[in-house]
Protein backbone atom coordinates (compact mmCIF):
# COMPACT_ATOMS: atom_id res chain seq x y z
CA MET A 1 95.03 170.85 137.31
CA ASN A 2 91.36 169.96 137.49
CA LEU A 3 90.87 167.23 134.88
CA ASN A 4 87.10 167.67 134.94
CA GLN A 5 87.54 171.27 133.80
CA LEU A 6 90.02 170.18 131.15
CA LYS A 7 87.57 167.54 129.89
CA ALA A 8 84.81 170.17 129.70
CA PHE A 9 87.11 172.30 127.51
CA TYR A 10 88.18 169.31 125.39
CA LEU A 11 84.62 168.10 124.70
CA THR A 12 83.37 171.63 123.99
CA VAL A 13 86.00 172.07 121.31
CA LYS A 14 85.65 168.51 119.98
CA THR A 15 81.85 168.70 119.66
CA GLY A 16 81.77 172.42 118.80
CA SER A 17 79.00 172.96 121.32
CA ILE A 18 78.63 173.55 125.05
CA THR A 19 75.27 171.79 124.91
CA LYS A 20 76.75 168.63 123.31
CA ALA A 21 79.66 168.68 125.78
CA ALA A 22 77.14 168.85 128.62
CA GLU A 23 75.24 165.86 127.18
CA ALA A 24 78.46 163.86 126.89
CA LEU A 25 79.30 164.53 130.54
CA SER A 26 75.70 164.23 131.77
CA VAL A 27 75.69 167.75 133.24
CA THR A 28 73.90 171.00 132.38
CA PRO A 29 75.26 173.57 129.87
CA PRO A 30 75.72 176.17 132.66
CA ALA A 31 77.95 173.66 134.49
CA ILE A 32 80.16 173.39 131.37
CA SER A 33 80.35 177.20 131.04
CA LYS A 34 81.31 177.46 134.70
CA SER A 35 84.09 174.87 134.27
CA LEU A 36 85.45 176.71 131.21
CA ASN A 37 85.52 180.02 133.05
CA LYS A 38 87.21 178.52 136.11
CA LEU A 39 89.88 176.87 133.96
CA GLN A 40 90.68 180.09 132.09
CA ASP A 41 90.51 182.28 135.19
CA PHE A 42 92.77 180.00 137.22
CA TYR A 43 95.57 180.19 134.62
CA ASN A 44 94.65 183.70 133.45
CA ILE A 45 94.50 182.62 129.84
CA ASN A 46 92.01 182.60 126.98
CA LEU A 47 91.40 179.22 125.41
CA ILE A 48 88.06 179.92 123.70
CA MET A 49 86.87 183.16 122.13
CA PRO A 50 83.36 184.11 120.95
CA CYS A 51 82.97 183.97 117.17
CA GLY A 52 79.61 185.13 115.82
CA LYS A 53 76.96 182.82 117.26
CA GLY A 54 79.60 180.20 118.08
CA MET A 55 83.12 180.08 119.42
CA THR A 56 86.66 179.42 118.29
CA THR A 57 89.86 178.39 120.02
CA THR A 58 92.84 180.68 120.46
CA VAL A 59 96.28 179.63 119.21
CA PHE A 60 97.14 178.54 122.75
CA GLY A 61 93.73 176.87 123.00
CA ASP A 62 94.59 174.74 119.93
CA GLU A 63 97.81 173.66 121.59
CA ILE A 64 96.05 172.75 124.84
CA PHE A 65 93.34 170.89 122.90
CA GLU A 66 95.94 168.65 121.21
CA MET A 67 97.59 167.88 124.55
CA ALA A 68 94.19 167.22 126.15
CA GLU A 69 93.32 164.86 123.30
CA ASN A 70 96.45 162.84 124.04
CA ILE A 71 95.54 162.73 127.72
CA PHE A 72 91.99 161.51 127.12
CA ASP A 73 93.09 159.05 124.43
CA LEU A 74 95.38 157.58 127.07
CA GLU A 75 92.47 157.56 129.52
CA ARG A 76 90.42 155.50 127.06
CA MET A 77 93.30 153.10 126.58
CA LEU A 78 93.64 152.70 130.33
CA GLU A 79 89.91 152.07 130.71
CA SER A 80 90.05 149.49 127.93
CA ARG A 81 93.05 147.72 129.47
CA LEU A 82 91.57 147.75 132.97
CA GLY A 83 88.27 146.46 131.57
CA ALA A 84 90.08 143.61 129.84
CA GLN A 85 91.91 142.82 133.06
CA GLN A 86 88.66 142.84 135.02
CA LYS A 87 87.12 140.52 132.46
CA SER A 88 90.04 138.11 132.74
CA VAL A 89 89.88 138.23 136.54
CA ASN A 90 86.19 137.33 136.38
CA SER A 91 86.83 134.69 133.73
CA LYS A 92 86.78 130.91 133.87
CA ILE A 93 89.69 128.50 133.60
CA ASN A 94 89.05 124.91 132.53
CA ILE A 95 91.54 122.29 133.68
CA ALA A 96 91.73 118.69 132.52
CA ALA A 97 93.89 116.73 134.95
CA SER A 98 94.87 113.18 135.72
CA GLN A 99 93.06 111.70 138.69
CA SER A 100 96.01 111.58 141.08
CA PHE A 101 97.11 115.14 140.40
CA ALA A 102 93.58 116.52 140.62
CA ALA A 103 92.88 114.73 143.89
CA TYR A 104 96.16 115.10 145.78
CA TYR A 105 98.21 117.96 144.31
CA LEU A 106 95.69 120.44 142.92
CA PRO A 107 93.54 121.34 145.99
CA PRO A 108 96.20 123.37 147.89
CA ILE A 109 97.22 125.10 144.64
CA LEU A 110 93.63 126.13 143.88
CA ASP A 111 93.13 127.23 147.47
CA TYR A 112 96.05 129.64 147.17
CA PHE A 113 94.97 130.77 143.69
CA ALA A 114 91.45 131.56 144.96
CA GLN A 115 92.95 134.00 147.46
CA ILE A 116 94.46 135.96 144.56
CA TYR A 117 91.63 135.67 142.01
CA HIS A 118 88.51 134.93 144.05
CA LYS A 119 86.22 135.93 141.16
CA CYS A 120 87.85 133.60 138.66
CA ASP A 121 86.00 130.29 138.35
CA VAL A 122 88.10 127.17 137.92
CA GLN A 123 86.50 123.98 136.62
CA VAL A 124 88.46 120.75 136.96
CA GLU A 125 87.68 117.51 135.17
CA MET A 126 89.59 114.33 135.96
CA LYS A 127 90.47 112.51 132.75
CA PRO A 128 92.91 109.94 131.35
CA THR A 129 96.06 111.39 129.80
CA LYS A 130 94.92 110.86 126.19
CA GLU A 131 91.77 112.85 126.89
CA VAL A 132 93.77 115.55 128.68
CA TYR A 133 95.86 116.11 125.54
CA SER A 134 92.78 115.96 123.33
CA ASP A 135 90.95 118.57 125.41
CA VAL A 136 93.95 120.92 125.35
CA HIS A 137 94.44 120.38 121.61
CA HIS A 138 90.80 121.19 120.82
CA GLY A 139 90.55 124.16 123.20
CA ILE A 140 88.17 122.44 125.62
CA ALA A 141 90.72 122.75 128.43
CA ASP A 142 92.86 125.84 129.02
CA ILE A 143 95.39 123.85 131.05
CA GLY A 144 96.08 120.12 131.16
CA ILE A 145 97.93 118.01 133.73
CA ALA A 146 98.95 114.67 132.24
CA SER A 147 100.38 111.53 133.84
CA TYR A 148 102.81 111.01 130.99
CA GLN A 149 103.94 112.82 127.86
CA LEU A 150 102.34 112.40 124.45
CA GLU A 151 103.62 113.91 121.23
CA ASN A 152 101.30 116.62 119.92
CA CYS A 153 102.58 119.41 117.67
CA HIS A 154 99.88 121.79 118.98
CA VAL A 155 100.58 121.25 122.68
CA GLU A 156 103.44 122.52 124.83
CA ASN A 157 104.62 120.39 127.76
CA GLU A 158 106.46 121.25 130.93
CA LYS A 159 107.87 118.30 132.84
CA GLY A 160 106.95 118.27 136.50
CA VAL A 161 107.13 116.30 139.70
CA ASN A 162 108.43 112.77 139.72
CA GLU A 163 105.99 110.57 141.65
CA ARG A 164 106.73 107.09 142.93
CA LEU A 165 104.33 104.15 142.82
CA VAL A 166 104.30 101.62 145.66
CA VAL A 167 102.53 98.39 146.57
CA ILE A 168 99.90 98.65 149.31
CA CYS A 169 98.37 96.04 151.55
CA SER A 170 96.10 96.03 154.60
CA PRO A 171 97.44 96.07 158.20
CA THR A 172 96.17 92.48 158.57
CA HIS A 173 98.12 91.20 155.57
CA PRO A 174 101.10 88.87 156.24
CA TRP A 175 103.37 91.55 154.72
CA ALA A 176 102.22 94.23 157.17
CA ASP A 177 105.48 94.14 159.16
CA ARG A 178 107.61 94.55 156.03
CA GLN A 179 108.96 97.67 154.34
CA LYS A 180 110.01 95.99 151.12
CA ILE A 181 108.99 92.95 149.11
CA LYS A 182 110.59 91.10 146.22
CA PRO A 183 108.71 91.47 142.92
CA GLU A 184 108.25 87.71 142.61
CA MET A 185 106.26 87.74 145.85
CA LEU A 186 103.35 89.24 143.90
CA LYS A 187 102.67 85.74 142.56
CA ASP A 188 99.63 84.07 144.11
CA GLN A 189 98.32 87.41 145.39
CA VAL A 190 94.91 88.86 144.55
CA LEU A 191 95.71 91.98 142.54
CA ILE A 192 93.56 95.09 142.21
CA ASN A 193 94.34 97.16 139.14
CA HIS A 194 93.51 100.63 137.82
CA GLU A 195 91.42 101.24 134.71
CA ASN A 196 92.85 100.20 131.36
CA GLY A 197 95.13 102.82 129.79
CA SER A 198 96.13 104.47 133.07
CA PHE A 199 99.79 104.74 134.02
CA PRO A 200 99.57 102.45 137.09
CA CYS A 201 97.70 99.86 135.00
CA LYS A 202 100.40 99.87 132.34
CA LYS A 203 103.18 99.57 134.92
CA LEU A 204 101.52 96.71 136.78
CA LEU A 205 101.00 94.79 133.53
CA GLN A 206 104.64 95.39 132.54
CA LEU A 207 105.79 94.19 135.94
CA MET A 208 103.62 91.08 135.71
CA GLU A 209 104.97 90.28 132.25
CA MET A 210 108.55 90.72 133.46
CA MET A 211 107.94 88.44 136.45
CA LYS A 212 105.86 85.99 134.37
CA ILE A 213 102.84 86.48 136.59
CA ASP A 214 99.49 85.31 135.23
CA THR A 215 97.20 88.27 134.48
CA ASN A 216 94.32 86.20 135.85
CA GLN A 217 95.57 87.25 139.27
CA ILE A 218 93.98 90.65 138.55
CA LYS A 219 90.59 90.01 140.07
CA TYR A 220 89.35 93.60 140.28
CA VAL A 221 89.69 96.70 138.10
CA MET A 222 88.71 100.01 139.70
CA THR A 223 88.40 103.48 138.18
CA SER A 224 89.54 105.52 141.19
CA ASN A 225 92.31 105.55 143.78
CA GLU A 226 89.75 105.89 146.56
CA ALA A 227 87.95 102.70 145.51
CA ILE A 228 91.25 100.82 145.32
CA LYS A 229 92.27 102.02 148.79
CA GLN A 230 88.94 100.89 150.26
CA MET A 231 89.33 97.43 148.67
CA VAL A 232 92.87 97.04 150.02
CA MET A 233 91.94 98.30 153.50
CA ARG A 234 89.29 95.56 153.64
CA GLY A 235 91.97 92.97 152.86
CA ILE A 236 90.46 92.01 149.51
CA GLY A 237 93.78 92.28 147.67
CA ILE A 238 96.92 94.34 147.08
CA ALA A 239 97.55 97.11 144.55
CA LEU A 240 100.13 99.33 142.90
CA ILE A 241 99.31 102.98 143.58
CA SER A 242 100.64 106.53 143.79
CA GLU A 243 102.62 107.11 146.99
CA LYS A 244 101.05 110.56 147.28
CA ALA A 245 97.54 109.07 147.18
CA ILE A 246 98.08 107.02 150.33
CA GLU A 247 99.93 109.48 152.57
CA ALA A 248 97.02 109.97 154.99
CA GLU A 249 96.12 106.27 155.18
CA VAL A 250 99.73 105.19 155.78
CA ALA A 251 100.17 107.86 158.46
CA SER A 252 97.01 106.67 160.26
CA GLY A 253 97.99 102.99 159.96
CA LYS A 254 95.06 102.08 157.69
CA LEU A 255 97.37 100.98 154.84
CA ILE A 256 100.86 99.57 154.58
CA SER A 257 103.23 100.94 151.91
CA LEU A 258 105.78 98.53 150.43
CA GLU A 259 108.71 99.16 148.12
CA LEU A 260 109.60 96.70 145.38
CA GLU A 261 113.21 95.58 145.82
CA GLY A 262 115.39 96.48 142.85
CA ILE A 263 112.55 98.20 140.97
CA ASN A 264 111.71 101.87 141.00
CA ILE A 265 108.34 102.60 139.39
CA SER A 266 107.77 106.32 138.97
CA ARG A 267 106.24 108.85 136.65
CA SER A 268 106.38 112.55 135.89
CA PHE A 269 103.37 114.81 135.54
CA TYR A 270 103.27 117.28 132.65
CA ILE A 271 101.65 120.71 132.46
CA CYS A 272 100.10 121.08 129.00
CA ARG A 273 98.71 124.06 127.13
CA HIS A 274 97.92 124.86 123.50
CA LYS A 275 100.77 126.69 121.76
CA SER A 276 98.50 129.33 120.24
CA LYS A 277 96.21 129.79 123.27
CA TYR A 278 96.07 133.34 124.67
CA ILE A 279 97.19 133.34 128.30
CA THR A 280 95.19 135.64 130.58
CA GLU A 281 96.70 137.11 133.75
CA PRO A 282 94.90 134.56 135.99
CA MET A 283 96.17 131.74 133.77
CA LYS A 284 99.74 133.07 134.05
CA ILE A 285 99.50 133.02 137.84
CA LEU A 286 97.95 129.55 137.91
CA LEU A 287 100.58 128.17 135.53
CA LYS A 288 103.30 129.64 137.73
CA LEU A 289 101.78 128.05 140.83
CA LEU A 290 101.55 124.72 139.02
CA SER A 291 105.18 124.99 137.91
CA LYS A 292 106.31 125.64 141.49
CA SER A 293 104.36 122.66 142.76
CA LEU A 294 105.90 120.50 140.08
């Protein structure tokens, strides 16, 4: 069946005019008449009959009109759905993520995602966990990646990867030939800490309290892993940091990674999203990729 001919018949009956049907299809009235004749001739049936100065449908024509209406209603639904899908594909996804996850876990995920939805823009902002939850709660971020879990009745959490924190020192440090150190050995060392409120900062302060280490040993507070790594590589001090964040530097011999004997300091990342937030197709794929990585 030629659907163009069927649409010419459908619009002629619906509008009651060949001229109006032609306008709707952006063709000439003779083109509509030709399509009607071809449709009727091909099946050897009469769908439309002359009636005075106008026309009327036959009994069979009424039946075909109803079926055609269902077909073209479905066509409109398909166009609407495909348009919505296209809009979501070309949409934007805002992510609020903790610094470590954004810097060391997210890039390969976004690289793969871009191959699937290359027209979908993804904006990532690195923020502390409290701000990640706040952004998700208030709809500023579509997806959040937090360093630890906070209770929020509007936000859903999915527990993810468990990441270990280690002590790092420079290759020129006296501990450079070690693999492990005792926690009490942190005494009398120059310590470099993360910004206040961050997970590594909290853990270092807890460790210092447990070992009765004076907090005055924290001589520097930095807001990024990269700054901390540069300070340690220069031999300025030692630090507690994400094991993932130092993979490249440890492999190249620029930093030394040390375990704390008898103490395992780790954290889990959490994927967060608002409970009532509509999830587009690109978001579904990105959430799935994040879940697999975690």
